[in-house]
Amino acid sequence: MAYALVDRARATDDPEVTRRLVTLADDQGLDELAELWADAPAISLPGALWRLYLLRAWVQRDPVSAARQFEAGRGRVLPREVVAGLADPPGPDGVRDLADAVLTGVFEGDLDVALDRAAAFCWVVAGGRAAHADELDDVDGEQADRVTRTGHALARTADQLAAAARRWRAGTLT
């Protein structure tokens, strides 16, 4: 189904088709997409799409935190910050727009570029979470550990998205 979605979107110039695909999780629910793709290998097209929809859902649900975490991670992973392509300074509207632009890129642009942008965003946000965990370390060690774990998970997601981008370029993304 993942290939069918991408192929269908790329076969048309209808912006309404792209808009519906970008908002697919909003309209159908993440649970429906989870049934399709959550168990797919991380470095596969369905696995990458699942991660992109999850990332977009988080950003749409909490754009203030997403922007704050991106801002906190800026300068920690500088080249990736540029690849993410987020406005300066990043704000809630900017991170929402980026999440939509990444999925739009999957369906209208270069899939590998969209995956690289999403990976870069995740790496920067993971850096922001690491900075926040450092601040919490002396105040609330348990909370610092939780933030560190979520940062590591997001960095792992970034690695998976970047690997999917490399496989797409090589023609081996399944």
C-alpha atoms as a PDB file:
ATOM      1  CA  MET A   1       0.000   0.000   0.000  1.00  0.00           C
ATOM      2  CA  ALA A   2       2.869   2.419   0.736  1.00  0.00           C
ATOM      3  CA  TYR A   3       4.186   2.116  -2.818  1.00  0.00           C
ATOM      4  CA  ALA A   4       0.668   2.514  -4.204  1.00  0.00           C
ATOM      5  CA  LEU A   5       0.202   5.774  -2.296  1.00  0.00           C
ATOM      6  CA  VAL A   6       3.517   7.197  -3.408  1.00  0.00           C
ATOM      7  CA  ASP A   7       3.068   6.051  -7.015  1.00  0.00           C
ATOM      8  CA  ARG A   8      -0.490   7.407  -7.228  1.00  0.00           C
ATOM      9  CA  ALA A   9       0.545  10.778  -5.861  1.00  0.00           C
ATOM     10  CA  ARG A  10       3.501  11.018  -8.206  1.00  0.00           C
ATOM     11  CA  ALA A  11       1.307  10.119 -11.188  1.00  0.00           C
ATOM     12  CA  THR A  12      -0.938  13.152 -10.747  1.00  0.00           C
ATOM     13  CA  ASP A  13      -0.485  16.896 -10.595  1.00  0.00           C
ATOM     14  CA  ASP A  14      -3.620  17.314  -8.481  1.00  0.00           C
ATOM     15  CA  PRO A  15      -2.721  19.225  -5.303  1.00  0.00           C
ATOM     16  CA  GLU A  16      -5.897  17.919  -3.649  1.00  0.00           C
ATOM     17  CA  VAL A  17      -4.570  14.350  -3.879  1.00  0.00           C
ATOM     18  CA  THR A  18      -1.343  15.435  -2.200  1.00  0.00           C
ATOM     19  CA  ARG A  19      -3.231  17.355   0.494  1.00  0.00           C
ATOM     20  CA  ARG A  20      -5.368  14.296   1.260  1.00  0.00           C
ATOM     21  CA  LEU A  21      -2.269  12.105   1.517  1.00  0.00           C
ATOM     22  CA  VAL A  22      -0.476  14.591   3.779  1.00  0.00           C
ATOM     23  CA  THR A  23      -3.497  14.659   6.100  1.00  0.00           C
ATOM     24  CA  LEU A  24      -4.196  10.928   5.805  1.00  0.00           C
ATOM     25  CA  ALA A  25      -3.534  10.266   9.490  1.00  0.00           C
ATOM     26  CA  ASP A  26      -5.761  13.205  10.454  1.00  0.00           C
ATOM     27  CA  ASP A  27      -8.612  11.831   8.381  1.00  0.00           C
ATOM     28  CA  GLN A  28      -8.181   8.074   8.892  1.00  0.00           C
ATOM     29  CA  GLY A  29      -6.464   8.039  12.284  1.00  0.00           C
ATOM     30  CA  LEU A  30      -3.046   6.837  13.333  1.00  0.00           C
ATOM     31  CA  ASP A  31      -4.544   3.540  14.481  1.00  0.00           C
ATOM     32  CA  GLU A  32      -5.563   2.730  10.906  1.00  0.00           C
ATOM     33  CA  LEU A  33      -2.071   3.506   9.622  1.00  0.00           C
ATOM     34  CA  ALA A  34      -0.559   1.529  12.495  1.00  0.00           C
ATOM     35  CA  GLU A  35      -2.449  -1.553  11.322  1.00  0.00           C
ATOM     36  CA  LEU A  36      -0.885  -1.105   7.895  1.00  0.00           C
ATOM     37  CA  TRP A  37       2.655  -0.004   8.664  1.00  0.00           C
ATOM     38  CA  ALA A  38       3.664  -0.044  12.336  1.00  0.00           C
ATOM     39  CA  ASP A  39       5.163  -3.539  12.101  1.00  0.00           C
ATOM     40  CA  ALA A  40       7.025  -2.835   8.856  1.00  0.00           C
ATOM     41  CA  PRO A  41      10.824  -2.830   9.037  1.00  0.00           C
ATOM     42  CA  ALA A  42      12.063   0.619  10.014  1.00  0.00           C
ATOM     43  CA  ILE A  43      14.175   0.935   6.893  1.00  0.00           C
ATOM     44  CA  SER A  44      11.447   0.303   4.334  1.00  0.00           C
ATOM     45  CA  LEU A  45       9.008   2.581   2.544  1.00  0.00           C
ATOM     46  CA  PRO A  46       6.074   1.612   4.784  1.00  0.00           C
ATOM     47  CA  GLY A  47       8.285   1.938   7.872  1.00  0.00           C
ATOM     48  CA  ALA A  48       9.524   5.358   6.777  1.00  0.00           C
ATOM     49  CA  LEU A  49       6.011   6.569   5.978  1.00  0.00           C
ATOM     50  CA  TRP A  50       4.813   5.362   9.386  1.00  0.00           C
ATOM     51  CA  ARG A  51       7.582   7.354  11.081  1.00  0.00           C
ATOM     52  CA  LEU A  52       6.818  10.449   9.000  1.00  0.00           C
ATOM     53  CA  TYR A  53       3.125  10.308   9.876  1.00  0.00           C
ATOM     54  CA  LEU A  54       3.956   9.826  13.569  1.00  0.00           C
ATOM     55  CA  LEU A  55       6.357  12.765  13.447  1.00  0.00           C
ATOM     56  CA  ARG A  56       3.765  14.954  11.741  1.00  0.00           C
ATOM     57  CA  ALA A  57       1.094  13.926  14.265  1.00  0.00           C
ATOM     58  CA  TRP A  58       3.362  14.917  17.177  1.00  0.00           C
ATOM     59  CA  VAL A  59       4.236  18.251  15.577  1.00  0.00           C
ATOM     60  CA  GLN A  60       0.586  19.001  14.797  1.00  0.00           C
ATOM     61  CA  ARG A  61      -0.456  18.055  18.337  1.00  0.00           C
ATOM     62  CA  ASP A  62       2.289  19.996  20.133  1.00  0.00           C
ATOM     63  CA  PRO A  63       3.958  22.511  17.826  1.00  0.00           C
ATOM     64  CA  VAL A  64       5.082  24.706  20.726  1.00  0.00           C
ATOM     65  CA  SER A  65       7.163  21.897  22.259  1.00  0.00           C
ATOM     66  CA  ALA A  66       8.454  20.831  18.851  1.00  0.00           C
ATOM     67  CA  ALA A  67       9.616  24.379  18.101  1.00  0.00           C
ATOM     68  CA  ARG A  68      11.133  24.782  21.576  1.00  0.00           C
ATOM     69  CA  GLN A  69      13.020  21.493  21.309  1.00  0.00           C
ATOM     70  CA  PHE A  70      14.252  22.346  17.815  1.00  0.00           C
ATOM     71  CA  GLU A  71      15.449  25.744  19.059  1.00  0.00           C
ATOM     72  CA  ALA A  72      17.258  24.091  21.996  1.00  0.00           C
ATOM     73  CA  GLY A  73      18.982  21.677  19.614  1.00  0.00           C
ATOM     74  CA  ARG A  74      20.152  24.355  17.201  1.00  0.00           C
ATOM     75  CA  GLY A  75      23.906  24.667  17.048  1.00  0.00           C
ATOM     76  CA  ARG A  76      24.379  21.168  18.500  1.00  0.00           C
ATOM     77  CA  VAL A  77      24.055  19.485  15.085  1.00  0.00           C
ATOM     78  CA  LEU A  78      24.550  22.483  12.795  1.00  0.00           C
ATOM     79  CA  PRO A  79      24.729  20.921   9.319  1.00  0.00           C
ATOM     80  CA  ARG A  80      21.552  18.978  10.003  1.00  0.00           C
ATOM     81  CA  GLU A  81      19.776  22.121  11.136  1.00  0.00           C
ATOM     82  CA  VAL A  82      20.308  23.548   7.663  1.00  0.00           C
ATOM     83  CA  VAL A  83      19.038  20.373   5.945  1.00  0.00           C
ATOM     84  CA  ALA A  84      15.842  20.460   8.009  1.00  0.00           C
ATOM     85  CA  GLY A  85      15.072  23.825   6.415  1.00  0.00           C
ATOM     86  CA  LEU A  86      13.143  25.384   9.281  1.00  0.00           C
ATOM     87  CA  ALA A  87      12.655  29.140   9.490  1.00  0.00           C
ATOM     88  CA  ASP A  88      14.768  31.186  11.877  1.00  0.00           C
ATOM     89  CA  PRO A  89      13.631  31.425  14.585  1.00  0.00           C
ATOM     90  CA  PRO A  90      11.570  28.255  14.525  1.00  0.00           C
ATOM     91  CA  GLY A  91       8.062  28.727  15.798  1.00  0.00           C
ATOM     92  CA  PRO A  92       4.964  26.553  16.135  1.00  0.00           C
ATOM     93  CA  ASP A  93       3.702  27.518  12.673  1.00  0.00           C
ATOM     94  CA  GLY A  94       7.122  26.856  11.181  1.00  0.00           C
ATOM     95  CA  VAL A  95       7.390  23.329  12.560  1.00  0.00           C
ATOM     96  CA  ARG A  96       3.839  22.551  11.419  1.00  0.00           C
ATOM     97  CA  ASP A  97       4.675  23.828   7.946  1.00  0.00           C
ATOM     98  CA  LEU A  98       7.878  21.772   7.899  1.00  0.00           C
ATOM     99  CA  ALA A  99       6.019  18.570   8.836  1.00  0.00           C
ATOM    100  CA  ASP A 100       3.544  19.178   6.022  1.00  0.00           C
ATOM    101  CA  ALA A 101       6.329  20.111   3.579  1.00  0.00           C
ATOM    102  CA  VAL A 102       8.201  16.891   4.318  1.00  0.00           C
ATOM    103  CA  LEU A 103       5.163  14.742   3.553  1.00  0.00           C
ATOM    104  CA  THR A 104       4.362  16.864   0.517  1.00  0.00           C
ATOM    105  CA  GLY A 105       7.920  16.189  -0.646  1.00  0.00           C
ATOM    106  CA  VAL A 106       7.338  12.453  -0.328  1.00  0.00           C
ATOM    107  CA  PHE A 107       4.410  12.662  -2.724  1.00  0.00           C
ATOM    108  CA  GLU A 108       5.476  15.479  -5.061  1.00  0.00           C
ATOM    109  CA  GLY A 109       9.225  15.908  -4.768  1.00  0.00           C
ATOM    110  CA  ASP A 110      12.284  13.813  -4.178  1.00  0.00           C
ATOM    111  CA  LEU A 111      11.471  11.168  -1.594  1.00  0.00           C
ATOM    112  CA  ASP A 112      15.078  10.912  -0.449  1.00  0.00           C
ATOM    113  CA  VAL A 113      15.249  14.671   0.169  1.00  0.00           C
ATOM    114  CA  ALA A 114      12.026  14.531   2.198  1.00  0.00           C
ATOM    115  CA  LEU A 115      13.419  11.668   4.286  1.00  0.00           C
ATOM    116  CA  ASP A 116      16.712  13.511   4.800  1.00  0.00           C
ATOM    117  CA  ARG A 117      14.843  16.642   5.931  1.00  0.00           C
ATOM    118  CA  ALA A 118      12.771  14.648   8.401  1.00  0.00           C
ATOM    119  CA  ALA A 119      15.908  12.917   9.701  1.00  0.00           C
ATOM    120  CA  ALA A 120      17.654  16.262  10.132  1.00  0.00           C
ATOM    121  CA  PHE A 121      14.670  17.661  12.035  1.00  0.00           C
ATOM    122  CA  CYS A 122      14.687  14.610  14.317  1.00  0.00           C
ATOM    123  CA  TRP A 123      18.423  14.905  14.994  1.00  0.00           C
ATOM    124  CA  VAL A 124      18.101  18.574  15.930  1.00  0.00           C
ATOM    125  CA  VAL A 125      15.105  17.912  18.192  1.00  0.00           C
ATOM    126  CA  ALA A 126      16.991  15.002  19.787  1.00  0.00           C
ATOM    127  CA  GLY A 127      19.812  17.469  20.465  1.00  0.00           C
ATOM    128  CA  GLY A 128      17.282  19.788  22.074  1.00  0.00           C
ATOM    129  CA  ARG A 129      16.041  16.983  24.272  1.00  0.00           C
ATOM    130  CA  ALA A 130      19.620  16.213  25.298  1.00  0.00           C
ATOM    131  CA  ALA A 131      20.096  19.866  26.270  1.00  0.00           C
ATOM    132  CA  HIS A 132      16.884  19.762  28.292  1.00  0.00           C
ATOM    133  CA  ALA A 133      17.971  16.527  29.995  1.00  0.00           C
ATOM    134  CA  ASP A 134      21.264  18.194  30.951  1.00  0.00           C
ATOM    135  CA  GLU A 135      19.315  21.032  32.578  1.00  0.00           C
ATOM    136  CA  LEU A 136      17.119  18.561  34.469  1.00  0.00           C
ATOM    137  CA  ASP A 137      19.955  16.339  35.632  1.00  0.00           C
ATOM    138  CA  ASP A 138      20.569  18.119  38.941  1.00  0.00           C
ATOM    139  CA  VAL A 139      16.904  18.937  39.541  1.00  0.00           C
ATOM    140  CA  ASP A 140      15.000  15.775  38.615  1.00  0.00           C
ATOM    141  CA  GLY A 141      17.125  12.796  37.663  1.00  0.00           C
ATOM    142  CA  GLU A 142      14.144  10.607  36.822  1.00  0.00           C
ATOM    143  CA  GLN A 143      12.705  13.188  34.443  1.00  0.00           C
ATOM    144  CA  ALA A 144      16.168  13.726  32.935  1.00  0.00           C
ATOM    145  CA  ASP A 145      16.409   9.977  32.248  1.00  0.00           C
ATOM    146  CA  ARG A 146      12.978   9.968  30.581  1.00  0.00           C
ATOM    147  CA  VAL A 147      13.871  12.941  28.359  1.00  0.00           C
ATOM    148  CA  THR A 148      17.194  11.288  27.506  1.00  0.00           C
ATOM    149  CA  ARG A 149      15.413   8.067  26.485  1.00  0.00           C
ATOM    150  CA  THR A 150      12.969   9.933  24.233  1.00  0.00           C
ATOM    151  CA  GLY A 151      15.878  11.835  22.711  1.00  0.00           C
ATOM    152  CA  HIS A 152      17.705   8.590  21.965  1.00  0.00           C
ATOM    153  CA  ALA A 153      14.542   7.143  20.409  1.00  0.00           C
ATOM    154  CA  LEU A 154      14.181  10.200  18.205  1.00  0.00           C
ATOM    155  CA  ALA A 155      17.849  10.005  17.162  1.00  0.00           C
ATOM    156  CA  ARG A 156      17.276   6.330  16.262  1.00  0.00           C
ATOM    157  CA  THR A 157      14.292   7.395  14.156  1.00  0.00           C
ATOM    158  CA  ALA A 158      16.524   9.977  12.454  1.00  0.00           C
ATOM    159  CA  ASP A 159      19.101   7.279  11.674  1.00  0.00           C
ATOM    160  CA  GLN A 160      16.367   5.046  10.225  1.00  0.00           C
ATOM    161  CA  LEU A 161      14.939   7.826   8.041  1.00  0.00           C
ATOM    162  CA  ALA A 162      18.417   8.710   6.763  1.00  0.00           C
ATOM    163  CA  ALA A 163      19.087   5.042   5.977  1.00  0.00           C
ATOM    164  CA  ALA A 164      15.773   4.842   4.106  1.00  0.00           C
ATOM    165  CA  ALA A 165      16.812   7.916   2.086  1.00  0.00           C
ATOM    166  CA  ARG A 166      20.114   6.254   1.160  1.00  0.00           C
ATOM    167  CA  ARG A 167      18.310   3.074   0.102  1.00  0.00           C
ATOM    168  CA  TRP A 168      15.818   5.058  -1.971  1.00  0.00           C
ATOM    169  CA  ARG A 169      18.717   6.732  -3.807  1.00  0.00           C
ATOM    170  CA  ALA A 170      20.310   3.316  -4.357  1.00  0.00           C
ATOM    171  CA  GLY A 171      17.008   1.864  -5.602  1.00  0.00           C
ATOM    172  CA  THR A 172      16.928  -0.727  -2.817  1.00  0.00           C
ATOM    173  CA  LEU A 173      14.213   0.615  -0.501  1.00  0.00           C
ATOM    174  CA  THR A 174      11.622  -2.119  -0.164  1.00  0.00           C
END
